[in-house]
Protein backbone atom coordinates (compact mmCIF):
# COMPACT_ATOMS: atom_id res chain seq x y z
CA MET A 1 32.78 -112.74 170.84
CA THR A 2 29.81 -110.49 168.56
CA THR A 3 30.14 -107.45 166.46
CA THR A 4 28.34 -105.47 169.16
CA GLU A 5 30.41 -106.21 172.13
CA ILE A 6 33.43 -105.79 169.70
CA ILE A 7 32.82 -102.73 168.94
CA SER A 8 30.74 -101.49 172.88
CA ILE A 9 34.66 -103.19 174.38
CA ALA A 10 37.14 -100.75 171.87
CA CYS A 11 34.60 -97.98 172.41
CA SER A 12 34.43 -98.10 176.81
CA GLU A 13 38.11 -98.44 176.33
CA LEU A 14 38.84 -95.91 173.85
CA GLY A 15 36.68 -92.79 175.57
CA THR A 16 34.14 -92.98 173.03
CA THR A 17 30.88 -92.65 171.85
CA LYS A 18 29.22 -95.40 169.15
CA ALA A 19 27.19 -92.55 167.66
CA ALA A 20 30.59 -90.82 167.48
CA LEU A 21 31.74 -93.37 165.19
CA ALA A 22 28.62 -94.13 163.39
CA LYS A 23 29.47 -89.69 162.36
CA LYS A 24 33.30 -91.30 161.49
CA MET A 25 32.07 -93.81 159.47
CA GLY A 26 29.58 -91.14 157.55
CA VAL A 27 26.10 -92.98 158.40
CA LEU A 28 23.25 -92.13 160.86
CA PRO A 29 23.29 -93.19 164.17
CA SER A 30 20.41 -95.24 163.93
CA SER A 31 21.56 -97.09 160.63
CA PHE A 32 24.77 -97.79 162.59
CA TYR A 33 22.79 -99.08 165.69
CA ARG A 34 20.42 -101.19 164.15
CA LYS A 35 22.88 -102.50 162.20
CA LEU A 36 24.60 -104.04 165.36
CA ALA A 37 21.12 -105.59 166.90
CA ARG A 38 21.30 -107.50 163.86
CA GLU A 39 24.60 -107.99 163.88
CA SER A 40 24.33 -107.52 159.74
CA MET A 41 27.74 -105.52 159.95
CA THR A 42 29.79 -107.05 157.34
CA LEU A 43 33.43 -107.73 158.12
CA GLU A 44 34.73 -104.56 155.89
CA GLU A 45 32.66 -102.99 158.28
CA LEU A 46 33.58 -103.70 160.99
CA LEU A 47 37.53 -103.93 160.34
CA LYS A 48 36.46 -100.29 158.69
CA CYS A 49 35.32 -99.47 162.31
CA LEU A 50 37.79 -101.04 164.15
CA ASP A 51 40.52 -98.67 161.36
CA LEU A 52 38.82 -95.56 162.71
CA LEU A 53 38.79 -96.43 166.41
CA GLY A 54 42.64 -97.22 165.99
CA VAL A 55 42.66 -100.96 166.61
CA THR A 56 44.24 -103.30 164.40
CA ILE A 57 43.87 -106.72 164.85
CA GLU A 58 46.44 -109.11 162.40
CA PHE A 59 46.25 -113.02 162.99
CA ASN A 60 48.42 -115.48 161.21
CA LEU A 61 47.55 -119.02 160.65
CA LYS A 62 50.37 -121.28 161.08
CA TYR A 63 50.67 -125.43 159.67
CA PRO A 64 52.38 -127.93 161.03
CA ASN A 65 54.82 -128.08 158.14
CA GLY A 66 56.04 -123.91 159.63
CA HIS A 67 54.11 -122.54 156.48
CA GLU A 68 51.83 -119.59 157.40
CA ARG A 69 49.25 -117.87 156.11
CA SER A 70 49.62 -113.15 156.11
CA ALA A 71 46.87 -111.37 158.01
CA GLN A 72 45.86 -110.19 154.76
CA ALA A 73 45.24 -113.35 152.97
CA ASN A 74 43.10 -114.17 155.58
CA TYR A 75 41.00 -111.21 154.71
CA GLU A 76 41.02 -111.74 152.09
CA ILE A 77 39.10 -115.10 152.21
CA LEU A 78 37.42 -114.76 154.96
CA LEU A 79 35.25 -111.71 152.75
CA GLU A 80 34.93 -113.99 150.21
CA ARG A 81 33.09 -116.71 152.21
CA MET A 82 31.01 -113.49 153.53
CA ASP A 83 30.08 -112.58 150.20
CA LEU A 84 29.55 -116.53 149.38
CA LEU A 85 27.48 -117.04 152.45
CA GLU A 86 25.09 -113.39 151.34
CA LYS A 87 23.96 -114.57 148.56
CA GLU A 88 23.09 -118.06 149.41
CA LEU A 89 21.07 -116.39 152.01
CA GLU A 90 19.55 -114.38 150.03
CA ALA A 91 19.19 -117.47 147.72
CA ALA A 92 17.49 -118.79 150.97
CA ARG A 93 15.38 -115.73 151.30
CA LYS A 94 13.72 -115.52 148.44
CA ALA A 95 13.09 -119.60 148.41
CA ALA A 96 10.96 -119.61 152.15
CA GLU A 97 8.43 -117.64 153.67
CA PHE A 98 9.51 -114.36 152.14
CA GLN A 99 5.94 -112.93 152.91
CA LYS A 100 6.41 -113.41 156.59
CA LYS A 101 10.31 -112.61 156.83
CA SER A 102 9.30 -108.90 155.39
CA LEU A 103 6.51 -108.35 157.55
CA LYS A 104 8.46 -109.34 160.56
CA ASP A 105 11.38 -106.48 158.80
CA LEU A 106 8.15 -103.93 158.35
CA ARG A 107 7.68 -104.50 162.68
CA THR A 108 11.40 -104.30 163.72
CA GLU A 109 11.62 -101.43 161.23
CA LEU A 110 8.28 -99.71 162.93
CA ASN A 111 8.88 -99.94 166.66
CA SER A 112 12.62 -98.63 165.55
CA ALA A 113 11.60 -95.59 163.86
CA VAL A 114 8.65 -95.45 167.41
CA GLY A 115 11.83 -96.05 169.68
CA TYR A 116 14.34 -93.21 168.32
CA ALA A 117 11.04 -90.74 167.75
CA GLU A 118 10.10 -91.59 171.91
CA LEU A 119 13.77 -90.44 172.91
CA GLY A 120 14.58 -88.14 170.65
CA MET A 121 11.15 -85.63 170.65
CA ARG A 122 10.35 -85.65 174.14
CA HIS A 123 11.44 -82.06 174.64
CA GLY A 124 10.09 -80.84 170.83
CA SER A 125 7.01 -78.28 170.56
CA LYS A 126 5.17 -81.07 169.25
CA THR A 127 6.08 -83.91 170.87
CA GLU A 128 2.51 -84.73 171.53
CA GLU A 129 1.02 -84.17 168.27
CA TYR A 130 3.78 -86.11 166.68
CA MET A 131 3.79 -89.12 168.78
CA GLU A 132 -0.35 -89.40 168.44
CA ARG A 133 0.16 -89.63 165.29
CA ILE A 134 3.33 -92.11 165.52
CA GLN A 135 1.34 -94.51 168.16
CA LEU A 136 -1.74 -94.89 165.47
CA VAL A 137 0.63 -95.44 162.33
CA LEU A 138 2.24 -97.65 164.37
CA ALA A 139 -1.11 -99.33 166.23
CA ASN A 140 -3.27 -99.88 162.52
CA MET A 141 0.10 -101.65 161.04
CA GLU A 142 0.81 -103.97 163.97
CA SER A 143 -2.13 -104.80 164.44
CA THR A 144 -1.85 -106.00 160.12
CA VAL A 145 1.40 -107.41 160.36
CA ALA A 146 -0.01 -109.80 163.43
CA TYR A 147 -2.85 -111.05 161.89
CA THR A 148 -1.48 -112.05 158.63
CA LEU A 149 1.30 -113.59 160.47
CA GLY A 150 -1.89 -115.46 162.88
CA GLU A 151 -0.69 -113.55 166.69
CA THR A 152 -2.96 -111.90 168.74
CA VAL A 153 -1.99 -108.07 169.21
CA ASN A 154 -3.27 -106.13 172.57
CA ASP A 155 -5.89 -103.72 172.31
CA GLU A 156 -3.73 -99.77 173.43
CA PRO A 157 -4.49 -98.91 176.90
CA ASP A 158 -7.64 -96.67 178.12
CA SER A 159 -7.70 -94.03 180.67
CA GLU A 160 -7.23 -96.42 183.11
CA ASP A 161 -4.35 -98.11 182.27
CA SER A 162 -3.10 -94.26 181.55
CA GLU A 163 -3.88 -93.29 185.11
CA SER A 164 -2.28 -96.60 185.97
CA ILE A 165 1.29 -96.23 183.75
CA GLY A 166 1.31 -92.75 186.36
CA THR A 167 1.59 -94.63 189.42
CA LEU A 168 4.84 -96.51 188.39
CA ALA A 169 7.53 -94.12 188.95
CA GLY A 170 10.10 -94.60 191.57
CA LYS A 171 9.35 -98.73 191.30
CA ARG A 172 12.49 -100.61 190.64
CA VAL A 173 13.48 -103.00 187.01
CA LEU A 174 15.47 -105.37 186.62
CA LEU A 175 16.15 -105.88 182.76
CA VAL A 176 17.47 -108.79 181.37
CA ASP A 177 19.29 -109.34 177.87
CA ASP A 178 22.40 -109.73 176.32
CA ASN A 179 22.30 -106.85 173.57
CA ASP A 180 23.45 -103.99 175.34
CA LEU A 181 21.31 -101.66 172.59
CA ASN A 182 18.28 -103.65 173.54
CA ARG A 183 19.01 -102.68 177.07
CA GLU A 184 20.24 -99.17 175.90
CA ILE A 185 16.55 -98.38 174.63
CA MET A 186 14.62 -99.70 177.33
CA LYS A 187 16.82 -98.49 179.78
CA GLU A 188 16.20 -94.99 178.25
CA VAL A 189 11.91 -95.56 177.60
CA LEU A 190 11.59 -96.57 181.05
CA VAL A 191 13.76 -94.12 182.92
CA ASP A 192 11.58 -91.17 181.39
CA TYR A 193 8.86 -92.68 182.95
CA GLY A 194 10.33 -92.58 186.37
CA LEU A 195 11.46 -96.02 186.78
CA PHE A 196 15.14 -96.91 188.15
CA VAL A 197 16.37 -99.44 186.18
CA GLU A 198 18.86 -102.13 187.34
CA GLU A 199 20.55 -104.22 184.14
CA SER A 200 21.90 -107.76 184.04
CA LYS A 201 23.54 -109.17 180.32
CA ASN A 202 22.14 -112.95 181.32
CA GLY A 203 19.59 -115.38 183.74
CA ARG A 204 22.38 -116.49 186.21
CA ASP A 205 23.19 -112.75 187.00
CA ALA A 206 19.99 -111.81 187.08
CA VAL A 207 19.34 -115.12 189.64
CA ALA A 208 22.46 -113.24 191.79
CA ALA A 209 20.75 -109.79 191.73
CA VAL A 210 17.74 -111.11 192.76
CA LYS A 211 19.07 -113.09 195.49
CA GLU A 212 22.13 -110.61 196.80
CA ASN A 213 18.97 -107.76 196.82
CA GLU A 214 17.01 -108.23 200.01
CA PRO A 215 13.14 -109.16 199.48
CA GLY A 216 10.98 -106.21 197.27
CA TYR A 217 14.24 -104.70 196.39
CA TYR A 218 13.01 -105.51 192.37
CA HIS A 219 8.96 -104.40 191.95
CA PHE A 220 9.44 -106.73 188.52
CA ILE A 221 11.34 -108.16 185.86
CA LEU A 222 11.39 -107.43 182.16
CA MET A 223 13.34 -111.25 181.42
CA ASP A 224 14.86 -111.66 177.42
CA ILE A 225 14.35 -116.02 177.02
CA GLU A 226 17.29 -116.27 174.84
CA MET A 227 20.50 -115.84 176.30
CA PRO A 228 23.88 -117.18 176.25
CA VAL A 229 25.03 -118.17 179.92
CA MET A 230 21.68 -119.20 181.20
CA ASP A 231 18.31 -118.61 179.44
CA GLY A 232 15.83 -116.42 180.98
CA PHE A 233 12.91 -120.29 181.13
CA GLU A 234 16.05 -121.43 183.75
CA ALA A 235 16.29 -118.12 185.13
CA THR A 236 12.59 -118.43 185.95
CA MET A 237 12.73 -121.67 186.97
CA LYS A 238 15.41 -120.83 189.69
CA ILE A 239 13.55 -117.43 191.48
CA ARG A 240 10.41 -119.26 191.29
CA LYS A 241 12.13 -121.68 193.37
CA LEU A 242 12.97 -119.30 195.69
CA PRO A 243 12.98 -119.80 199.23
CA ASN A 244 11.84 -116.32 200.38
CA ARG A 245 8.24 -115.52 199.22
CA ILE A 246 8.90 -112.18 198.20
CA ARG A 247 11.68 -112.62 196.04
CA ALA A 248 10.46 -115.50 194.42
CA ASN A 249 7.02 -113.67 193.13
CA ILE A 250 8.51 -111.16 191.87
CA PRO A 251 6.08 -110.55 188.86
CA ILE A 252 8.74 -111.78 185.72
CA ILE A 253 7.40 -110.37 181.76
CA ALA A 254 8.70 -112.54 179.67
CA LEU A 255 10.68 -110.64 176.29
CA THR A 256 11.38 -112.79 173.06
CA ALA A 257 11.73 -112.25 169.30
CA ASN A 258 10.79 -115.34 168.77
CA PRO A 259 7.13 -115.51 169.61
CA VAL A 260 5.48 -119.12 168.60
CA PRO A 261 3.15 -120.85 170.74
CA GLU A 262 5.88 -123.28 171.58
CA ASN A 263 7.93 -120.50 173.70
CA ARG A 264 5.07 -118.98 175.04
CA GLU A 265 3.64 -122.14 176.53
CA ARG A 266 7.19 -122.46 177.71
CA ALA A 267 6.60 -119.01 179.26
CA MET A 268 3.66 -119.54 181.42
CA LEU A 269 4.82 -123.47 182.26
CA VAL A 270 8.03 -121.70 183.85
CA GLY A 271 6.15 -118.96 186.02
CA MET A 272 6.78 -115.77 184.01
CA ASP A 273 3.77 -113.56 184.00
CA GLU A 274 3.53 -111.87 181.05
CA PHE A 275 4.80 -112.79 177.11
CA LEU A 276 5.84 -109.96 175.23
CA ALA A 277 6.63 -110.06 171.09
CA LYS A 278 10.09 -108.02 170.82
CA PRO A 279 10.66 -105.27 169.55
CA VAL A 280 8.02 -103.97 172.39
CA ASN A 281 6.81 -100.03 171.83
CA SER A 282 7.09 -97.91 175.68
CA VAL A 283 3.67 -97.96 175.89
CA ARG A 284 2.38 -102.12 175.34
CA ILE A 285 5.79 -102.43 178.29
CA MET A 286 4.29 -100.05 180.93
CA ARG A 287 0.86 -101.39 180.25
CA SER A 288 1.88 -105.05 181.88
CA LEU A 289 4.55 -103.70 184.01
CA ALA A 290 0.96 -102.05 185.29
CA LYS A 291 -1.24 -104.75 185.59
CA PHE A 292 1.73 -106.34 188.75
CA GLN A 293 1.92 -102.80 190.76
C-alpha cells in the first residue's frame, strides 16, 4: 500500500481532508500534495501524519526462538535504512543524467504551479490576465525542456481549437489513473470546462465500466499507462476487442509520466488515439479531447 493510499484511507475514515492535515503539520497543502504524488514522504513524516490523525501503528517481529523485537526498535532500524537509501539515491542522482532529471523536475514544478493556479484563481478579478502570463511562461519553458530532452512539443491551440474546446461541455469522460491526487486535480479541471467525469483506479475497472454502461455513454477515455492490476495498454486492447463497435471505438488518450519512444509506439499499436506526457496542462488535454468529438 502506498503512502498516498494510507493517508487517504485514514482521512476518509476519520472524516477529515488532506488539506486540513497539511495545515496541522504546518505545511502548505500544495507542498503536501506534491509529496504524496511523488511518494517522497519519509517514514517520520508519515508517522507524524498518522499521529495527528490519532492513528497508531504498532508491530513486533517474532523469531523462531521466541525472541521479539519491539516496534520502537523496528522504527529505528527503518529510519536508519531510509537515511542510507536517501544518501545512496542522492549519489546516484549526481552520477546519472543529472541534467535530464533536473529538467523533468522543472517541468513537473511548472505544470503543478499552473494546475494549482487554474484551480485557485478561477474567480479572481484578474484571473484571465494572470493565466495568460502563466501559460506563456509555461509554453516557453516547456519548449526549452522538450527540446533538451529530444521531444516534440505541440503548438498552443489557435482560435479554431478554442472554439472546439468550448463545445466539449456536457461530454462524459472516463478518467483512469491509480494516483488519487492526479485524478483529483484532473477531475476539477475537466469539470471546470463543463465535462462530466467518472473515475477508475486501474485498467480492469475501466474495462468493466465500459462494458456495464450502454454504448456511447462515455465520449472519451483518459488512460494512464502504468497502473496496478491491469495497465493501460492491456485495458485498451480489451476495449478495442469488444463486440459492440461503439464501445470498442471510444477515443482513448494515453497519459504517461514516461514518454519514451517505446511507450509511444506501443500505445499506437494497441489502439490508443493520442499520447500525452504527464503532467499535462488543461489546454493540451482539452485540445486533445476536441480532436475526437
